[in-house]
Amino acid sequence: MRELRHAVQRCYILADGERVLPQAEPKVAPPEENDGYIRFHVGMTFDDVEREMLLKTLAFHRNNKCRAARVLGITTKTIYNRLLRYRELGLIGDAEVGDLTGDPAE
């Protein structure tokens, strides 16, 4: 109920005149893809949360697996193993895995 009240108040504040019309709904910008935040919802599995955390951290560090591993407190090998598993499951493509010629045993 409180959210509805706040939505109506926002519509009233943003309305051009004294009448609030349906098109007066405030436009909320969607969150940016790389805004530095991880979004998850109740009911997400730990695997989903872990995958989102890893992929967002890699994106933030421009796919530098060594830096991402250091920040996450895991090894580079763990990152490679996770990425390969995600690719096998069809959750990511080859581009997200990146170059596997480096030494992942760091």
PDB file of N, CA and C in Angstrom:
ATOM      1  N   MET A   1       0.829  -1.191   0.000  1.00  0.00           N
ATOM      2  CA  MET A   1       0.000   0.000   0.000  1.00  0.00           C
ATOM      3  C   MET A   1       0.872   1.253   0.000  1.00  0.00           C
ATOM      4  N   ARG A   2       1.938   1.220   0.773  1.00  0.00           N
ATOM      5  CA  ARG A   2       2.821   2.383   0.853  1.00  0.00           C
ATOM      6  C   ARG A   2       3.450   2.677  -0.506  1.00  0.00           C
ATOM      7  N   GLU A   3       3.836   1.607  -1.230  1.00  0.00           N
ATOM      8  CA  GLU A   3       4.447   1.797  -2.546  1.00  0.00           C
ATOM      9  C   GLU A   3       3.469   2.434  -3.520  1.00  0.00           C
ATOM     10  N   LEU A   4       2.219   2.018  -3.467  1.00  0.00           N
ATOM     11  CA  LEU A   4       1.199   2.605  -4.324  1.00  0.00           C
ATOM     12  C   LEU A   4       1.028   4.085  -4.007  1.00  0.00           C
ATOM     13  N   ARG A   5       0.972   4.410  -2.734  1.00  0.00           N
ATOM     14  CA  ARG A   5       0.829   5.807  -2.321  1.00  0.00           C
ATOM     15  C   ARG A   5       2.009   6.641  -2.846  1.00  0.00           C
ATOM     16  N   HIS A   6       3.223   6.108  -2.733  1.00  0.00           N
ATOM     17  CA  HIS A   6       4.406   6.825  -3.211  1.00  0.00           C
ATOM     18  C   HIS A   6       4.375   6.982  -4.732  1.00  0.00           C
ATOM     19  N   ALA A   7       3.900   5.956  -5.435  1.00  0.00           N
ATOM     20  CA  ALA A   7       3.812   6.043  -6.895  1.00  0.00           C
ATOM     21  C   ALA A   7       2.819   7.128  -7.302  1.00  0.00           C
ATOM     22  N   VAL A   8       1.683   7.192  -6.615  1.00  0.00           N
ATOM     23  CA  VAL A   8       0.682   8.224  -6.924  1.00  0.00           C
ATOM     24  C   VAL A   8       1.244   9.607  -6.611  1.00  0.00           C
ATOM     25  N   GLN A   9       1.956   9.740  -5.504  1.00  0.00           N
ATOM     26  CA  GLN A   9       2.556  11.034  -5.164  1.00  0.00           C
ATOM     27  C   GLN A   9       3.577  11.463  -6.211  1.00  0.00           C
ATOM     28  N   ARG A  10       4.397  10.526  -6.684  1.00  0.00           N
ATOM     29  CA  ARG A  10       5.367  10.857  -7.733  1.00  0.00           C
ATOM     30  C   ARG A  10       4.660  11.300  -9.002  1.00  0.00           C
ATOM     31  N   CYS A  11       3.581  10.589  -9.364  1.00  0.00           N
ATOM     32  CA  CYS A  11       2.821  10.968 -10.562  1.00  0.00           C
ATOM     33  C   CYS A  11       2.259  12.378 -10.416  1.00  0.00           C
ATOM     34  N   TYR A  12       1.746  12.694  -9.238  1.00  0.00           N
ATOM     35  CA  TYR A  12       1.177  14.019  -8.994  1.00  0.00           C
ATOM     36  C   TYR A  12       2.252  15.098  -9.108  1.00  0.00           C
ATOM     37  N   ILE A  13       3.395  14.844  -8.527  1.00  0.00           N
ATOM     38  CA  ILE A  13       4.487  15.825  -8.553  1.00  0.00           C
ATOM     39  C   ILE A  13       4.978  16.051  -9.976  1.00  0.00           C
ATOM     40  N   LEU A  14       5.020  14.992 -10.772  1.00  0.00           N
ATOM     41  CA  LEU A  14       5.541  15.098 -12.128  1.00  0.00           C
ATOM     42  C   LEU A  14       4.488  15.474 -13.163  1.00  0.00           C
ATOM     43  N   ALA A  15       3.227  15.590 -12.739  1.00  0.00           N
ATOM     44  CA  ALA A  15       2.153  15.924 -13.672  1.00  0.00           C
ATOM     45  C   ALA A  15       2.296  17.364 -14.149  1.00  0.00           C
ATOM     46  N   ASP A  16       1.839  17.607 -15.391  1.00  0.00           N
ATOM     47  CA  ASP A  16       1.927  18.950 -15.968  1.00  0.00           C
ATOM     48  C   ASP A  16       0.889  19.900 -15.378  1.00  0.00           C
ATOM     49  N   GLY A  17      -0.289  19.423 -15.125  1.00  0.00           N
ATOM     50  CA  GLY A  17      -1.350  20.272 -14.589  1.00  0.00           C
ATOM     51  C   GLY A  17      -1.870  19.728 -13.285  1.00  0.00           C
ATOM     52  N   GLU A  18      -3.172  19.992 -13.044  1.00  0.00           N
ATOM     53  CA  GLU A  18      -3.780  19.511 -11.814  1.00  0.00           C
ATOM     54  C   GLU A  18      -4.295  18.086 -11.943  1.00  0.00           C
ATOM     55  N   ARG A  19      -4.401  17.599 -13.169  1.00  0.00           N
ATOM     56  CA  ARG A  19      -4.894  16.232 -13.383  1.00  0.00           C
ATOM     57  C   ARG A  19      -3.720  15.297 -13.595  1.00  0.00           C
ATOM     58  N   VAL A  20      -3.795  14.151 -12.953  1.00  0.00           N
ATOM     59  CA  VAL A  20      -2.775  13.126 -13.126  1.00  0.00           C
ATOM     60  C   VAL A  20      -3.291  12.139 -14.168  1.00  0.00           C
ATOM     61  N   LEU A  21      -2.573  12.057 -15.254  1.00  0.00           N
ATOM     62  CA  LEU A  21      -2.948  11.148 -16.329  1.00  0.00           C
ATOM     63  C   LEU A  21      -2.040   9.929 -16.316  1.00  0.00           C
ATOM     64  N   PRO A  22      -2.501   8.816 -16.869  1.00  0.00           N
ATOM     65  CA  PRO A  22      -1.674   7.598 -16.845  1.00  0.00           C
ATOM     66  C   PRO A  22      -0.284   7.784 -17.458  1.00  0.00           C
ATOM     67  N   GLN A  23      -0.170   8.600 -18.486  1.00  0.00           N
ATOM     68  CA  GLN A  23       1.142   8.797 -19.097  1.00  0.00           C
ATOM     69  C   GLN A  23       2.057   9.653 -18.236  1.00  0.00           C
ATOM     70  N   ALA A  24       1.555  10.139 -17.124  1.00  0.00           N
ATOM     71  CA  ALA A  24       2.389  10.939 -16.231  1.00  0.00           C
ATOM     72  C   ALA A  24       3.237  10.068 -15.317  1.00  0.00           C
ATOM     73  N   GLU A  25       3.159   8.742 -15.501  1.00  0.00           N
ATOM     74  CA  GLU A  25       3.979   7.855 -14.675  1.00  0.00           C
ATOM     75  C   GLU A  25       5.444   8.214 -14.828  1.00  0.00           C
ATOM     76  N   PRO A  26       6.161   8.245 -13.745  1.00  0.00           N
ATOM     77  CA  PRO A  26       7.578   8.582 -13.846  1.00  0.00           C
ATOM     78  C   PRO A  26       8.341   7.498 -14.591  1.00  0.00           C
ATOM     79  N   LYS A  27       9.261   7.924 -15.385  1.00  0.00           N
ATOM     80  CA  LYS A  27      10.119   6.991 -16.110  1.00  0.00           C
ATOM     81  C   LYS A  27      11.333   6.699 -15.244  1.00  0.00           C
ATOM     82  N   VAL A  28      11.535   5.443 -14.952  1.00  0.00           N
ATOM     83  CA  VAL A  28      12.670   5.029 -14.148  1.00  0.00           C
ATOM     84  C   VAL A  28      13.691   4.407 -15.085  1.00  0.00           C
ATOM     85  N   ALA A  29      14.886   4.943 -15.060  1.00  0.00           N
ATOM     86  CA  ALA A  29      15.938   4.417 -15.922  1.00  0.00           C
ATOM     87  C   ALA A  29      16.353   3.035 -15.436  1.00  0.00           C
ATOM     88  N   PRO A  30      16.481   2.094 -16.377  1.00  0.00           N
ATOM     89  CA  PRO A  30      16.938   0.766 -15.956  1.00  0.00           C
ATOM     90  C   PRO A  30      18.373   0.836 -15.468  1.00  0.00           C
ATOM     91  N   PRO A  31      18.749  -0.056 -14.572  1.00  0.00           N
ATOM     92  CA  PRO A  31      20.121  -0.028 -14.083  1.00  0.00           C
ATOM     93  C   PRO A  31      21.095  -0.317 -15.219  1.00  0.00           C
ATOM     94  N   GLU A  32      22.232   0.341 -15.178  1.00  0.00           N
ATOM     95  CA  GLU A  32      23.240   0.128 -16.206  1.00  0.00           C
ATOM     96  C   GLU A  32      23.862  -1.251 -16.030  1.00  0.00           C
ATOM     97  N   GLU A  33      24.314  -1.819 -17.132  1.00  0.00           N
ATOM     98  CA  GLU A  33      24.864  -3.168 -17.112  1.00  0.00           C
ATOM     99  C   GLU A  33      26.101  -3.258 -16.226  1.00  0.00           C
ATOM    100  N   ASN A  34      26.984  -2.277 -16.280  1.00  0.00           N
ATOM    101  CA  ASN A  34      28.225  -2.335 -15.513  1.00  0.00           C
ATOM    102  C   ASN A  34      28.285  -1.200 -14.499  1.00  0.00           C
ATOM    103  N   ASP A  35      27.261  -1.112 -13.673  1.00  0.00           N
ATOM    104  CA  ASP A  35      27.215  -0.033 -12.699  1.00  0.00           C
ATOM    105  C   ASP A  35      27.898  -0.396 -11.381  1.00  0.00           C
ATOM    106  N   GLY A  36      28.531  -1.575 -11.330  1.00  0.00           N
ATOM    107  CA  GLY A  36      29.248  -1.962 -10.122  1.00  0.00           C
ATOM    108  C   GLY A  36      28.390  -2.636  -9.075  1.00  0.00           C
ATOM    109  N   TYR A  37      27.141  -2.932  -9.401  1.00  0.00           N
ATOM    110  CA  TYR A  37      26.259  -3.583  -8.451  1.00  0.00           C
ATOM    111  C   TYR A  37      25.840  -4.946  -8.966  1.00  0.00           C
ATOM    112  N   ILE A  38      25.618  -5.858  -8.053  1.00  0.00           N
ATOM    113  CA  ILE A  38      25.086  -7.174  -8.362  1.00  0.00           C
ATOM    114  C   ILE A  38      23.647  -7.181  -7.880  1.00  0.00           C
ATOM    115  N   ARG A  39      22.743  -7.551  -8.745  1.00  0.00           N
ATOM    116  CA  ARG A  39      21.339  -7.603  -8.365  1.00  0.00           C
ATOM    117  C   ARG A  39      20.900  -9.059  -8.319  1.00  0.00           C
ATOM    118  N   PHE A  40      20.272  -9.426  -7.221  1.00  0.00           N
ATOM    119  CA  PHE A  40      19.724 -10.763  -7.123  1.00  0.00           C
ATOM    120  C   PHE A  40      18.391 -10.669  -6.406  1.00  0.00           C
ATOM    121  N   HIS A  41      17.610 -11.689  -6.551  1.00  0.00           N
ATOM    122  CA  HIS A  41      16.287 -11.672  -5.947  1.00  0.00           C
ATOM    123  C   HIS A  41      16.105 -12.907  -5.081  1.00  0.00           C
ATOM    124  N   VAL A  42      15.168 -12.841  -4.187  1.00  0.00           N
ATOM    125  CA  VAL A  42      14.865 -13.968  -3.326  1.00  0.00           C
ATOM    126  C   VAL A  42      14.468 -15.142  -4.205  1.00  0.00           C
ATOM    127  N   GLY A  43      15.063 -16.269  -3.948  1.00  0.00           N
ATOM    128  CA  GLY A  43      14.765 -17.452  -4.738  1.00  0.00           C
ATOM    129  C   GLY A  43      15.856 -17.805  -5.732  1.00  0.00           C
ATOM    130  N   MET A  44      16.805 -16.881  -5.953  1.00  0.00           N
ATOM    131  CA  MET A  44      17.936 -17.216  -6.826  1.00  0.00           C
ATOM    132  C   MET A  44      18.781 -18.272  -6.139  1.00  0.00           C
ATOM    133  N   THR A  45      19.324 -19.183  -6.917  1.00  0.00           N
ATOM    134  CA  THR A  45      20.193 -20.205  -6.338  1.00  0.00           C
ATOM    135  C   THR A  45      21.564 -19.599  -6.052  1.00  0.00           C
ATOM    136  N   PHE A  46      22.302 -20.266  -5.188  1.00  0.00           N
ATOM    137  CA  PHE A  46      23.664 -19.807  -4.916  1.00  0.00           C
ATOM    138  C   PHE A  46      24.506 -19.861  -6.188  1.00  0.00           C
ATOM    139  N   ASP A  47      24.266 -20.861  -7.018  1.00  0.00           N
ATOM    140  CA  ASP A  47      25.004 -20.945  -8.285  1.00  0.00           C
ATOM    141  C   ASP A  47      24.739 -19.734  -9.164  1.00  0.00           C
ATOM    142  N   ASP A  48      23.473 -19.307  -9.215  1.00  0.00           N
ATOM    143  CA  ASP A  48      23.133 -18.129 -10.018  1.00  0.00           C
ATOM    144  C   ASP A  48      23.798 -16.867  -9.461  1.00  0.00           C
ATOM    145  N   VAL A  49      23.777 -16.731  -8.138  1.00  0.00           N
ATOM    146  CA  VAL A  49      24.397 -15.568  -7.501  1.00  0.00           C
ATOM    147  C   VAL A  49      25.907 -15.588  -7.743  1.00  0.00           C
ATOM    148  N   GLU A  50      26.521 -16.759  -7.586  1.00  0.00           N
ATOM    149  CA  GLU A  50      27.961 -16.885  -7.819  1.00  0.00           C
ATOM    150  C   GLU A  50      28.321 -16.541  -9.257  1.00  0.00           C
ATOM    151  N   ARG A  51      27.538 -17.054 -10.207  1.00  0.00           N
ATOM    152  CA  ARG A  51      27.805 -16.781 -11.623  1.00  0.00           C
ATOM    153  C   ARG A  51      27.686 -15.285 -11.913  1.00  0.00           C
ATOM    154  N   GLU A  52      26.640 -14.676 -11.400  1.00  0.00           N
ATOM    155  CA  GLU A  52      26.440 -13.242 -11.621  1.00  0.00           C
ATOM    156  C   GLU A  52      27.599 -12.436 -11.031  1.00  0.00           C
ATOM    157  N   MET A  53      28.028 -12.819  -9.816  1.00  0.00           N
ATOM    158  CA  MET A  53      29.135 -12.142  -9.153  1.00  0.00           C
ATOM    159  C   MET A  53      30.414 -12.269  -9.976  1.00  0.00           C
ATOM    160  N   LEU A  54      30.698 -13.468 -10.447  1.00  0.00           N
ATOM    161  CA  LEU A  54      31.917 -13.697 -11.220  1.00  0.00           C
ATOM    162  C   LEU A  54      31.886 -12.934 -12.535  1.00  0.00           C
ATOM    163  N   LEU A  55      30.781 -13.013 -13.263  1.00  0.00           N
ATOM    164  CA  LEU A  55      30.711 -12.351 -14.571  1.00  0.00           C
ATOM    165  C   LEU A  55      30.753 -10.827 -14.438  1.00  0.00           C
ATOM    166  N   LYS A  56      30.087 -10.296 -13.434  1.00  0.00           N
ATOM    167  CA  LYS A  56      30.113  -8.834 -13.225  1.00  0.00           C
ATOM    168  C   LYS A  56      31.504  -8.372 -12.806  1.00  0.00           C
ATOM    169  N   THR A  57      32.169  -9.156 -11.968  1.00  0.00           N
ATOM    170  CA  THR A  57      33.515  -8.789 -11.535  1.00  0.00           C
ATOM    171  C   THR A  57      34.481  -8.833 -12.714  1.00  0.00           C
ATOM    172  N   LEU A  58      34.349  -9.850 -13.543  1.00  0.00           N
ATOM    173  CA  LEU A  58      35.190  -9.923 -14.743  1.00  0.00           C
ATOM    174  C   LEU A  58      34.926  -8.734 -15.674  1.00  0.00           C
ATOM    175  N   ALA A  59      33.670  -8.391 -15.869  1.00  0.00           N
ATOM    176  CA  ALA A  59      33.339  -7.249 -16.725  1.00  0.00           C
ATOM    177  C   ALA A  59      33.916  -5.959 -16.143  1.00  0.00           C
ATOM    178  N   PHE A  60      33.802  -5.804 -14.831  1.00  0.00           N
ATOM    179  CA  PHE A  60      34.320  -4.606 -14.176  1.00  0.00           C
ATOM    180  C   PHE A  60      35.825  -4.473 -14.371  1.00  0.00           C
ATOM    181  N   HIS A  61      36.526  -5.607 -14.364  1.00  0.00           N
ATOM    182  CA  HIS A  61      37.980  -5.603 -14.519  1.00  0.00           C
ATOM    183  C   HIS A  61      38.404  -5.900 -15.954  1.00  0.00           C
ATOM    184  N   ARG A  62      37.491  -5.611 -16.889  1.00  0.00           N
ATOM    185  CA  ARG A  62      37.759  -5.762 -18.329  1.00  0.00           C
ATOM    186  C   ARG A  62      38.293  -7.151 -18.676  1.00  0.00           C
ATOM    187  N   ASN A  63      37.685  -8.154 -18.088  1.00  0.00           N
ATOM    188  CA  ASN A  63      37.992  -9.562 -18.325  1.00  0.00           C
ATOM    189  C   ASN A  63      39.400  -9.964 -17.895  1.00  0.00           C
ATOM    190  N   ASN A  64      40.007  -9.177 -17.012  1.00  0.00           N
ATOM    191  CA  ASN A  64      41.312  -9.535 -16.470  1.00  0.00           C
ATOM    192  C   ASN A  64      41.080 -10.541 -15.345  1.00  0.00           C
ATOM    193  N   LYS A  65      41.351 -11.788 -15.663  1.00  0.00           N
ATOM    194  CA  LYS A  65      41.035 -12.871 -14.734  1.00  0.00           C
ATOM    195  C   LYS A  65      41.904 -12.840 -13.475  1.00  0.00           C
ATOM    196  N   CYS A  66      43.155 -12.404 -13.608  1.00  0.00           N
ATOM    197  CA  CYS A  66      44.037 -12.320 -12.434  1.00  0.00           C
ATOM    198  C   CYS A  66      43.516 -11.293 -11.428  1.00  0.00           C
ATOM    199  N   ARG A  67      43.145 -10.119 -11.930  1.00  0.00           N
ATOM    200  CA  ARG A  67      42.608  -9.081 -11.039  1.00  0.00           C
ATOM    201  C   ARG A  67      41.293  -9.514 -10.407  1.00  0.00           C
ATOM    202  N   ALA A  68      40.411 -10.094 -11.233  1.00  0.00           N
ATOM    203  CA  ALA A  68      39.118 -10.548 -10.718  1.00  0.00           C
ATOM    204  C   ALA A  68      39.315 -11.611  -9.645  1.00  0.00           C
ATOM    205  N   ALA A  69      40.237 -12.538  -9.874  1.00  0.00           N
ATOM    206  CA  ALA A  69      40.507 -13.591  -8.890  1.00  0.00           C
ATOM    207  C   ALA A  69      40.997 -12.994  -7.579  1.00  0.00           C
ATOM    208  N   ARG A  70      41.890 -12.024  -7.676  1.00  0.00           N
ATOM    209  CA  ARG A  70      42.441 -11.378  -6.485  1.00  0.00           C
ATOM    210  C   ARG A  70      41.325 -10.687  -5.690  1.00  0.00           C
ATOM    211  N   VAL A  71      40.461  -9.979  -6.383  1.00  0.00           N
ATOM    212  CA  VAL A  71      39.370  -9.259  -5.720  1.00  0.00           C
ATOM    213  C   VAL A  71      38.383 -10.222  -5.071  1.00  0.00           C
ATOM    214  N   LEU A  72      38.093 -11.325  -5.767  1.00  0.00           N
ATOM    215  CA  LEU A  72      37.120 -12.290  -5.253  1.00  0.00           C
ATOM    216  C   LEU A  72      37.698 -13.238  -4.216  1.00  0.00           C
ATOM    217  N   GLY A  73      39.028 -13.244  -4.084  1.00  0.00           N
ATOM    218  CA  GLY A  73      39.660 -14.118  -3.107  1.00  0.00           C
ATOM    219  C   GLY A  73      39.689 -15.569  -3.544  1.00  0.00           C
ATOM    220  N   ILE A  74      39.777 -15.788  -4.855  1.00  0.00           N
ATOM    221  CA  ILE A  74      39.853 -17.141  -5.403  1.00  0.00           C
ATOM    222  C   ILE A  74      41.038 -17.206  -6.357  1.00  0.00           C
ATOM    223  N   THR A  75      41.337 -18.389  -6.858  1.00  0.00           N
ATOM    224  CA  THR A  75      42.448 -18.520  -7.801  1.00  0.00           C
ATOM    225  C   THR A  75      41.962 -18.291  -9.222  1.00  0.00           C
ATOM    226  N   THR A  76      42.910 -17.973 -10.088  1.00  0.00           N
ATOM    227  CA  THR A  76      42.592 -17.809 -11.500  1.00  0.00           C
ATOM    228  C   THR A  76      42.084 -19.133 -12.070  1.00  0.00           C
ATOM    229  N   LYS A  77      42.645 -20.227 -11.602  1.00  0.00           N
ATOM    230  CA  LYS A  77      42.201 -21.552 -12.060  1.00  0.00           C
ATOM    231  C   LYS A  77      40.722 -21.756 -11.741  1.00  0.00           C
ATOM    232  N   THR A  78      40.277 -21.300 -10.583  1.00  0.00           N
ATOM    233  CA  THR A  78      38.864 -21.418 -10.225  1.00  0.00           C
ATOM    234  C   THR A  78      38.002 -20.643 -11.217  1.00  0.00           C
ATOM    235  N   ILE A  79      38.465 -19.461 -11.604  1.00  0.00           N
ATOM    236  CA  ILE A  79      37.709 -18.677 -12.579  1.00  0.00           C
ATOM    237  C   ILE A  79      37.611 -19.436 -13.895  1.00  0.00           C
ATOM    238  N   TYR A  80      38.734 -19.939 -14.375  1.00  0.00           N
ATOM    239  CA  TYR A  80      38.703 -20.696 -15.626  1.00  0.00           C
ATOM    240  C   TYR A  80      37.774 -21.908 -15.519  1.00  0.00           C
ATOM    241  N   ASN A  81      37.862 -22.640 -14.426  1.00  0.00           N
ATOM    242  CA  ASN A  81      37.007 -23.813 -14.246  1.00  0.00           C
ATOM    243  C   ASN A  81      35.529 -23.430 -14.264  1.00  0.00           C
ATOM    244  N   ARG A  82      35.184 -22.345 -13.583  1.00  0.00           N
ATOM    245  CA  ARG A  82      33.778 -21.900 -13.559  1.00  0.00           C
ATOM    246  C   ARG A  82      33.329 -21.487 -14.963  1.00  0.00           C
ATOM    247  N   LEU A  83      34.154 -20.721 -15.653  1.00  0.00           N
ATOM    248  CA  LEU A  83      33.787 -20.266 -16.996  1.00  0.00           C
ATOM    249  C   LEU A  83      33.594 -21.445 -17.946  1.00  0.00           C
ATOM    250  N   LEU A  84      34.467 -22.424 -17.857  1.00  0.00           N
ATOM    251  CA  LEU A  84      34.328 -23.607 -18.713  1.00  0.00           C
ATOM    252  C   LEU A  84      33.036 -24.369 -18.384  1.00  0.00           C
ATOM    253  N   ARG A  85      32.713 -24.466 -17.097  1.00  0.00           N
ATOM    254  CA  ARG A  85      31.473 -25.137 -16.702  1.00  0.00           C
ATOM    255  C   ARG A  85      30.254 -24.371 -17.216  1.00  0.00           C
ATOM    256  N   TYR A  86      30.286 -23.042 -17.080  1.00  0.00           N
ATOM    257  CA  TYR A  86      29.164 -22.230 -17.568  1.00  0.00           C
ATOM    258  C   TYR A  86      29.001 -22.403 -19.073  1.00  0.00           C
ATOM    259  N   ARG A  87      30.124 -22.476 -19.798  1.00  0.00           N
ATOM    260  CA  ARG A  87      30.060 -22.656 -21.250  1.00  0.00           C
ATOM    261  C   ARG A  87      29.476 -24.026 -21.589  1.00  0.00           C
ATOM    262  N   GLU A  88      29.904 -25.063 -20.876  1.00  0.00           N
ATOM    263  CA  GLU A  88      29.367 -26.407 -21.117  1.00  0.00           C
ATOM    264  C   GLU A  88      27.861 -26.470 -20.869  1.00  0.00           C
ATOM    265  N   LEU A  89      27.400 -25.716 -19.888  1.00  0.00           N
ATOM    266  CA  LEU A  89      25.974 -25.684 -19.577  1.00  0.00           C
ATOM    267  C   LEU A  89      25.195 -24.774 -20.524  1.00  0.00           C
ATOM    268  N   GLY A  90      25.895 -24.066 -21.406  1.00  0.00           N
ATOM    269  CA  GLY A  90      25.245 -23.164 -22.348  1.00  0.00           C
ATOM    270  C   GLY A  90      24.826 -21.840 -21.745  1.00  0.00           C
ATOM    271  N   LEU A  91      25.403 -21.491 -20.591  1.00  0.00           N
ATOM    272  CA  LEU A  91      25.036 -20.250 -19.903  1.00  0.00           C
ATOM    273  C   LEU A  91      25.818 -19.052 -20.424  1.00  0.00           C
ATOM    274  N   ILE A  92      26.992 -19.307 -20.997  1.00  0.00           N
ATOM    275  CA  ILE A  92      27.797 -18.254 -21.598  1.00  0.00           C
ATOM    276  C   ILE A  92      28.388 -18.787 -22.897  1.00  0.00           C
ATOM    277  N   GLY A  93      28.902 -17.882 -23.710  1.00  0.00           N
ATOM    278  CA  GLY A  93      29.511 -18.283 -24.963  1.00  0.00           C
ATOM    279  C   GLY A  93      31.023 -18.285 -24.876  1.00  0.00           C
ATOM    280  N   ASP A  94      31.656 -18.584 -25.998  1.00  0.00           N
ATOM    281  CA  ASP A  94      33.115 -18.612 -26.057  1.00  0.00           C
ATOM    282  C   ASP A  94      33.735 -17.252 -25.752  1.00  0.00           C
ATOM    283  N   ALA A  95      33.056 -16.185 -26.147  1.00  0.00           N
ATOM    284  CA  ALA A  95      33.605 -14.837 -25.936  1.00  0.00           C
ATOM    285  C   ALA A  95      33.788 -14.539 -24.448  1.00  0.00           C
ATOM    286  N   GLU A  96      32.864 -15.003 -23.621  1.00  0.00           N
ATOM    287  CA  GLU A  96      32.963 -14.753 -22.187  1.00  0.00           C
ATOM    288  C   GLU A  96      34.097 -15.549 -21.551  1.00  0.00           C
ATOM    289  N   VAL A  97      34.381 -16.731 -22.093  1.00  0.00           N
ATOM    290  CA  VAL A  97      35.468 -17.544 -21.557  1.00  0.00           C
ATOM    291  C   VAL A  97      36.796 -16.884 -21.857  1.00  0.00           C
ATOM    292  N   GLY A  98      36.935 -16.386 -23.064  1.00  0.00           N
ATOM    293  CA  GLY A  98      38.161 -15.679 -23.437  1.00  0.00           C
ATOM    294  C   GLY A  98      39.290 -16.620 -23.755  1.00  0.00           C
ATOM    295  N   ASP A  99      40.498 -16.105 -23.627  1.00  0.00           N
ATOM    296  CA  ASP A  99      41.707 -16.821 -23.997  1.00  0.00           C
ATOM    297  C   ASP A  99      42.062 -17.845 -22.921  1.00  0.00           C
ATOM    298  N   LEU A 100      42.178 -19.089 -23.331  1.00  0.00           N
ATOM    299  CA  LEU A 100      42.536 -20.160 -22.392  1.00  0.00           C
ATOM    300  C   LEU A 100      43.981 -20.585 -22.543  1.00  0.00           C
ATOM    301  N   THR A 101      44.760 -19.848 -23.346  1.00  0.00           N
ATOM    302  CA  THR A 101      46.149 -20.237 -23.571  1.00  0.00           C
ATOM    303  C   THR A 101      47.063 -19.824 -22.437  1.00  0.00           C
ATOM    304  N   GLY A 102      46.612 -18.889 -21.591  1.00  0.00           N
ATOM    305  CA  GLY A 102      47.420 -18.462 -20.454  1.00  0.00           C
ATOM    306  C   GLY A 102      47.473 -19.547 -19.409  1.00  0.00           C
ATOM    307  N   ASP A 103      48.256 -19.338 -18.382  1.00  0.00           N
ATOM    308  CA  ASP A 103      48.410 -20.328 -17.326  1.00  0.00           C
ATOM    309  C   ASP A 103      47.353 -20.117 -16.265  1.00  0.00           C
ATOM    310  N   PRO A 104      46.282 -20.938 -16.237  1.00  0.00           N
ATOM    311  CA  PRO A 104      45.238 -20.760 -15.243  1.00  0.00           C
ATOM    312  C   PRO A 104      45.599 -21.323 -13.894  1.00  0.00           C
ATOM    313  N   ALA A 105      46.794 -21.872 -13.733  1.00  0.00           N
ATOM    314  CA  ALA A 105      47.164 -22.504 -12.463  1.00  0.00           C
ATOM    315  C   ALA A 105      47.711 -21.510 -11.453  1.00  0.00           C
ATOM    316  N   GLU A 106      47.437 -20.267 -11.635  1.00  0.00           N
ATOM    317  CA  GLU A 106      47.947 -19.223 -10.749  1.00  0.00           C
ATOM    318  C   GLU A 106      47.295 -19.294  -9.389  1.00  0.00           C
TER     319      GLU A 106
END
